[in-house]
């Protein structure tokens, strides 16, 4: 019989505190993980890994430099197809700037 005598990296109390505070966090994930790492004496990567393994961690939506939501080329093609009423699969090969111009001009 094989037994695992390695000590746990996180105690049950640490896990409970981490999950509870993450679920009620204010601010960004980056701020929370830095604060939790300092509080629990762990690295930021360790905190993120633990939250991911517990299926609690939610990634934040990516934003452009101006703070707007990032729009993918596929989303732009879907908008264009909906506006013209025709499925044009090869539009994905166009540049993002051209696709955005098409969306803007189709109204």
Foldseek 3Di string as FASTA:
>chain_A
DDDDPDDDPADPVLLVVLLVCVVVDDDDLVVSLVVSCVVVVHDSVVSQVSCVVVVNDDDDFDADPVRHGDDALVNLLVLLCVLVVHRDPCSSVDDPVVSVVSNVVSD
